[in-house]
Amino acid sequence: MFKLAAAALIAAIILCLAAGRRGSPHWLRFALASFGFFGVITAIFWIVSPAGTARTVSDDLAGGVLLLQIVQGRGAVVLPFGLAALFAAWTLPGRRSAAVLGPFAYNLIMSFEALRAQFTPLATPERWIYVGLHSLWAISLAIYCFGLDWRSGRKPPTVAVAIVPPLLGVTLFAAPSLLTGGNQSPMLLHAAHAFGASLIGLGAVSYGFWSGLSGMPGRVLCIMAALLLAAIAFASGYWMALVLALAWGLAHAARQGREAA
């Protein structure tokens, strides 16, 4: 995992050199790009090799198949987050995208979750690196989001499609036993919390989409995340998750179609 982080930082430096523009904040571009590459690389790893990912953190695989499915679900959400951050890094200093609300919320929560994990059996000296990275990314992305144009001709609606992911995410924090069946494996609980953080971030993007803040990147991100989650749910036989993911994605796609008509 640390090699993946190093590769992400090197790729971010290369992107900053290739996309450098006069007057652009290079440190912010680097922060966006470094999380973007890290998110894309690790998410693919989580989706393709969930067991290998879990073993890099701990030999505790007591969560069994459920742990692997949670890791894959997290990857399905973080992959679009990484792509959104890369898009934002490449287009600076142009119009800012509300799609980055998701990566911001994710890193903000994961900075606390990574710190909490350091006081469990999962703690290692090297994991402090991730505490620092998530914290720095959260601060940098907050600065980016501060420059969003929050003026909108539409009032942010409180619709079910925008609050489903955050509700599921908060549930994974407040009552992970509902998902884990009472299994108190530290790795399984940490994975559930991390998946919850990604869902809350996805809800932030959904909020931007339904409030009129987010343009095409946010729309594509929402639909892509829904399709990835649905594919993993289908492969795992989680029919309820499949129905939720498809319904949520179809609601976004339908609204996009109405706006384009």
Protein backbone atom coordinates (compact mmCIF):
# COMPACT_ATOMS: atom_id res chain seq x y z
CA MET A 1 0.00 0.00 0.00
CA PHE A 2 2.87 2.37 0.75
CA LYS A 3 4.31 1.68 -2.69
CA LEU A 4 0.93 2.62 -4.18
CA ALA A 5 0.97 5.87 -2.20
CA ALA A 6 4.48 6.67 -3.46
CA ALA A 7 3.42 5.93 -7.04
CA ALA A 8 0.43 8.27 -6.63
CA LEU A 9 2.65 11.12 -5.43
CA ILE A 10 5.07 10.64 -8.33
CA ALA A 11 2.19 10.59 -10.83
CA ALA A 12 0.80 13.78 -9.25
CA ILE A 13 4.12 15.55 -9.77
CA ILE A 14 4.13 14.51 -13.43
CA LEU A 15 0.54 15.75 -13.91
CA CYS A 16 1.40 19.10 -12.31
CA LEU A 17 4.32 19.53 -14.70
CA ALA A 18 2.19 18.57 -17.70
CA ALA A 19 -0.81 20.73 -16.75
CA GLY A 20 1.01 23.74 -15.34
CA ARG A 21 -0.70 27.03 -16.18
CA ARG A 22 0.14 30.63 -15.49
CA GLY A 23 -1.20 31.84 -12.16
CA SER A 24 -2.60 28.48 -11.07
CA PRO A 25 -2.08 27.32 -7.46
CA HIS A 26 0.36 24.47 -8.00
CA TRP A 27 0.11 23.19 -4.42
CA LEU A 28 -3.65 22.80 -4.77
CA ARG A 29 -3.31 21.07 -8.11
CA PHE A 30 -0.79 18.69 -6.53
CA ALA A 31 -3.12 17.96 -3.60
CA LEU A 32 -6.01 17.16 -5.95
CA ALA A 33 -3.84 15.06 -8.26
CA SER A 34 -2.14 13.13 -5.46
CA PHE A 35 -5.48 12.10 -3.96
CA GLY A 36 -6.85 11.45 -7.44
CA PHE A 37 -4.10 9.01 -8.38
CA PHE A 38 -4.11 7.44 -4.92
CA GLY A 39 -7.88 7.01 -5.08
CA VAL A 40 -7.87 5.46 -8.56
CA ILE A 41 -4.93 3.12 -7.89
CA THR A 42 -6.09 1.87 -4.51
CA ALA A 43 -9.75 1.60 -5.58
CA ILE A 44 -8.82 -0.67 -8.48
CA PHE A 45 -6.74 -2.73 -6.04
CA TRP A 46 -9.68 -2.93 -3.63
CA ILE A 47 -12.06 -4.06 -6.38
CA VAL A 48 -9.73 -6.56 -8.07
CA SER A 49 -7.96 -7.96 -4.99
CA PRO A 50 -9.99 -7.33 -1.83
CA ALA A 51 -8.37 -10.23 0.03
CA GLY A 52 -4.89 -8.96 -0.79
CA THR A 53 -5.88 -5.50 0.39
CA ALA A 54 -7.17 -6.80 3.72
CA ARG A 55 -4.01 -8.80 4.36
CA THR A 56 -1.82 -5.73 3.85
CA VAL A 57 -3.57 -4.25 6.88
CA SER A 58 -4.06 -7.33 9.04
CA ASP A 59 -4.04 -11.12 8.88
CA ASP A 60 -7.47 -11.01 10.50
CA LEU A 61 -9.93 -12.13 7.84
CA ALA A 62 -12.62 -13.19 10.32
CA GLY A 63 -15.15 -11.17 8.37
CA GLY A 64 -14.96 -13.72 5.56
CA VAL A 65 -16.82 -12.99 2.34
CA LEU A 66 -18.61 -10.01 3.90
CA LEU A 67 -15.29 -8.25 4.52
CA LEU A 68 -14.27 -8.71 0.89
CA GLN A 69 -17.61 -7.38 -0.35
CA ILE A 70 -17.32 -4.30 1.86
CA VAL A 71 -13.80 -3.63 0.59
CA GLN A 72 -15.02 -3.95 -3.01
CA GLY A 73 -17.97 -1.65 -2.32
CA ARG A 74 -15.63 0.99 -0.94
CA GLY A 75 -13.49 0.70 -4.05
CA ALA A 76 -16.56 1.13 -6.26
CA VAL A 77 -17.21 4.54 -4.67
CA VAL A 78 -13.63 5.76 -4.25
CA LEU A 79 -12.77 5.08 -7.91
CA PRO A 80 -15.15 7.83 -9.14
CA PHE A 81 -13.84 10.09 -6.33
CA GLY A 82 -10.32 9.68 -7.69
CA LEU A 83 -11.44 10.43 -11.23
CA ALA A 84 -13.29 13.54 -10.04
CA ALA A 85 -10.17 14.80 -8.26
CA LEU A 86 -8.03 14.18 -11.35
CA PHE A 87 -10.53 16.12 -13.48
CA ALA A 88 -10.40 19.02 -11.03
CA ALA A 89 -6.59 18.96 -10.95
CA TRP A 90 -6.35 19.04 -14.74
CA THR A 91 -8.86 21.86 -15.25
CA LEU A 92 -7.56 24.28 -12.60
CA PRO A 93 -7.98 27.25 -12.51
CA GLY A 94 -11.18 26.91 -14.52
CA ARG A 95 -14.68 26.43 -13.18
CA ARG A 96 -14.69 24.43 -9.99
CA SER A 97 -16.65 21.20 -9.82
CA ALA A 98 -19.00 20.28 -6.97
CA ALA A 99 -18.08 16.64 -7.66
CA VAL A 100 -15.09 17.26 -5.37
CA LEU A 101 -17.49 17.60 -2.43
CA GLY A 102 -17.42 13.81 -2.28
CA PRO A 103 -13.63 13.41 -1.99
CA PHE A 104 -13.60 16.21 0.59
CA ALA A 105 -16.22 14.56 2.82
CA TYR A 106 -14.54 11.17 2.39
CA ASN A 107 -11.09 12.41 3.41
CA LEU A 108 -12.47 14.46 6.29
CA ILE A 109 -14.14 11.40 7.82
CA MET A 110 -11.27 9.06 6.97
CA SER A 111 -8.76 11.33 8.74
CA PHE A 112 -10.66 10.67 11.98
CA GLU A 113 -11.24 7.00 11.16
CA ALA A 114 -7.55 6.45 10.40
CA LEU A 115 -6.67 8.11 13.70
CA ARG A 116 -9.21 5.96 15.57
CA ALA A 117 -7.79 2.81 13.99
CA GLN A 118 -4.38 3.64 15.49
CA PHE A 119 -5.84 2.88 18.91
CA THR A 120 -7.00 -0.61 17.91
CA PRO A 121 -5.13 -3.87 17.13
CA LEU A 122 -4.77 -2.57 13.55
CA ALA A 123 -2.28 0.12 14.66
CA THR A 124 1.16 0.27 13.03
CA PRO A 125 3.73 3.09 12.98
CA GLU A 126 3.45 3.33 9.18
CA ARG A 127 -0.30 3.97 9.30
CA TRP A 128 0.37 7.43 10.73
CA ILE A 129 1.30 8.31 7.16
CA TYR A 130 -2.33 7.77 6.14
CA VAL A 131 -3.58 9.82 9.07
CA GLY A 132 -1.45 12.69 7.77
CA LEU A 133 -2.36 12.17 4.11
CA HIS A 134 -6.12 12.06 4.69
CA SER A 135 -5.90 15.15 6.93
CA LEU A 136 -3.88 17.14 4.37
CA TRP A 137 -6.18 16.06 1.54
CA ALA A 138 -9.25 17.05 3.58
CA ILE A 139 -7.82 20.52 4.25
CA SER A 140 -6.76 21.04 0.62
CA LEU A 141 -10.09 19.84 -0.76
CA ALA A 142 -11.95 22.07 1.71
CA ILE A 143 -10.02 25.05 0.33
CA TYR A 144 -10.95 23.98 -3.20
CA CYS A 145 -14.65 23.59 -2.29
CA PHE A 146 -14.63 26.99 -0.57
CA GLY A 147 -14.30 28.54 -4.03
CA LEU A 148 -17.44 26.88 -5.41
CA ASP A 149 -20.21 29.11 -6.71
CA TRP A 150 -22.97 28.27 -4.24
CA ARG A 151 -25.49 30.56 -5.90
CA SER A 152 -28.20 28.52 -7.55
CA GLY A 153 -31.57 29.30 -9.01
CA ARG A 154 -32.98 26.20 -7.34
CA LYS A 155 -33.34 25.56 -3.65
CA PRO A 156 -31.57 22.37 -2.55
CA PRO A 157 -34.35 19.80 -2.41
CA THR A 158 -34.52 17.23 0.35
CA VAL A 159 -35.26 14.23 -1.79
CA ALA A 160 -34.78 10.59 -0.87
CA VAL A 161 -32.34 9.97 -3.70
CA ALA A 162 -29.91 12.53 -2.25
CA ILE A 163 -30.02 11.31 1.34
CA VAL A 164 -29.97 7.52 0.88
CA PRO A 165 -26.15 7.17 0.66
CA PRO A 166 -25.45 9.38 3.74
CA LEU A 167 -28.08 7.55 5.78
CA LEU A 168 -26.51 4.22 4.91
CA GLY A 169 -23.07 5.62 5.71
CA VAL A 170 -24.12 7.01 9.10
CA THR A 171 -25.75 3.66 9.89
CA LEU A 172 -22.45 1.88 9.24
CA PHE A 173 -20.82 4.19 11.79
CA ALA A 174 -23.56 4.11 14.41
CA ALA A 175 -24.61 0.48 14.19
CA PRO A 176 -22.10 -1.59 12.19
CA SER A 177 -23.45 -4.72 13.87
CA LEU A 178 -26.51 -4.42 11.62
CA LEU A 179 -24.22 -5.23 8.71
CA THR A 180 -21.58 -7.37 10.41
CA GLY A 181 -24.03 -9.57 12.30
CA GLY A 182 -22.30 -8.91 15.61
CA ASN A 183 -18.83 -9.87 14.30
CA GLN A 184 -16.42 -7.58 16.17
CA SER A 185 -13.37 -8.25 14.00
CA PRO A 186 -11.33 -4.99 14.11
CA MET A 187 -10.62 -5.23 10.39
CA LEU A 188 -14.29 -5.79 9.55
CA LEU A 189 -15.41 -2.85 11.69
CA HIS A 190 -12.74 -0.59 10.18
CA ALA A 191 -13.79 -1.66 6.67
CA ALA A 192 -17.45 -0.95 7.50
CA HIS A 193 -16.57 2.53 8.79
CA ALA A 194 -14.46 3.28 5.71
CA PHE A 195 -17.30 2.15 3.44
CA GLY A 196 -19.62 4.39 5.45
CA ALA A 197 -17.25 7.33 4.90
CA SER A 198 -17.29 6.75 1.14
CA LEU A 199 -21.10 6.59 1.09
CA ILE A 200 -21.37 9.86 3.02
CA GLY A 201 -19.04 11.41 0.44
CA LEU A 202 -21.22 10.04 -2.33
CA GLY A 203 -24.18 11.71 -0.65
CA ALA A 204 -22.32 15.03 -0.76
CA VAL A 205 -21.94 14.67 -4.53
CA SER A 206 -25.61 13.72 -4.82
CA TYR A 207 -26.52 16.85 -2.84
CA GLY A 208 -24.51 18.99 -5.26
CA PHE A 209 -26.20 17.32 -8.20
CA TRP A 210 -29.77 17.81 -6.96
CA SER A 211 -29.16 21.36 -5.71
CA GLY A 212 -27.94 22.51 -9.12
CA LEU A 213 -24.31 22.98 -8.09
CA SER A 214 -22.79 20.07 -9.95
CA GLY A 215 -22.30 19.92 -13.69
CA MET A 216 -21.47 17.00 -15.97
CA PRO A 217 -18.60 15.58 -13.83
CA GLY A 218 -20.90 15.17 -10.85
CA ARG A 219 -23.61 13.57 -12.94
CA VAL A 220 -21.20 11.08 -14.50
CA LEU A 221 -19.69 10.34 -11.07
CA CYS A 222 -23.07 9.55 -9.50
CA ILE A 223 -24.14 7.26 -12.33
CA MET A 224 -20.73 5.56 -12.52
CA ALA A 225 -20.70 4.87 -8.78
CA ALA A 226 -24.23 3.47 -8.95
CA LEU A 227 -23.30 1.11 -11.80
CA LEU A 228 -20.13 -0.10 -10.04
CA LEU A 229 -22.01 -0.72 -6.80
CA ALA A 230 -24.76 -2.52 -8.69
CA ALA A 231 -22.23 -4.72 -10.51
CA ILE A 232 -20.55 -5.75 -7.24
CA ALA A 233 -23.92 -6.33 -5.57
CA PHE A 234 -25.01 -8.49 -8.53
CA ALA A 235 -21.80 -10.53 -8.46
CA SER A 236 -22.11 -11.02 -4.69
CA GLY A 237 -25.80 -11.90 -4.72
CA TYR A 238 -26.76 -8.87 -2.59
CA TRP A 239 -30.12 -8.23 -4.24
CA MET A 240 -31.26 -5.49 -1.84
CA ALA A 241 -28.04 -3.54 -2.42
CA LEU A 242 -28.46 -4.10 -6.16
CA VAL A 243 -31.99 -2.64 -6.11
CA LEU A 244 -30.90 0.40 -4.06
CA ALA A 245 -27.88 1.12 -6.25
CA LEU A 246 -29.85 0.82 -9.49
CA ALA A 247 -32.77 2.91 -8.21
CA TRP A 248 -30.43 5.64 -7.00
CA GLY A 249 -28.48 5.69 -10.25
CA LEU A 250 -31.61 5.63 -12.42
CA ALA A 251 -33.04 8.61 -10.52
CA HIS A 252 -29.91 10.61 -11.34
CA ALA A 253 -29.91 9.45 -14.96
CA ALA A 254 -33.61 10.35 -15.35
CA ARG A 255 -33.06 13.85 -14.06
CA GLN A 256 -30.06 14.28 -16.32
CA GLY A 257 -32.20 13.19 -19.26
CA ARG A 258 -34.96 15.66 -18.37
CA GLU A 259 -32.48 18.52 -18.13
CA ALA A 260 -30.93 17.61 -21.46
CA ALA A 261 -34.34 17.43 -23.19
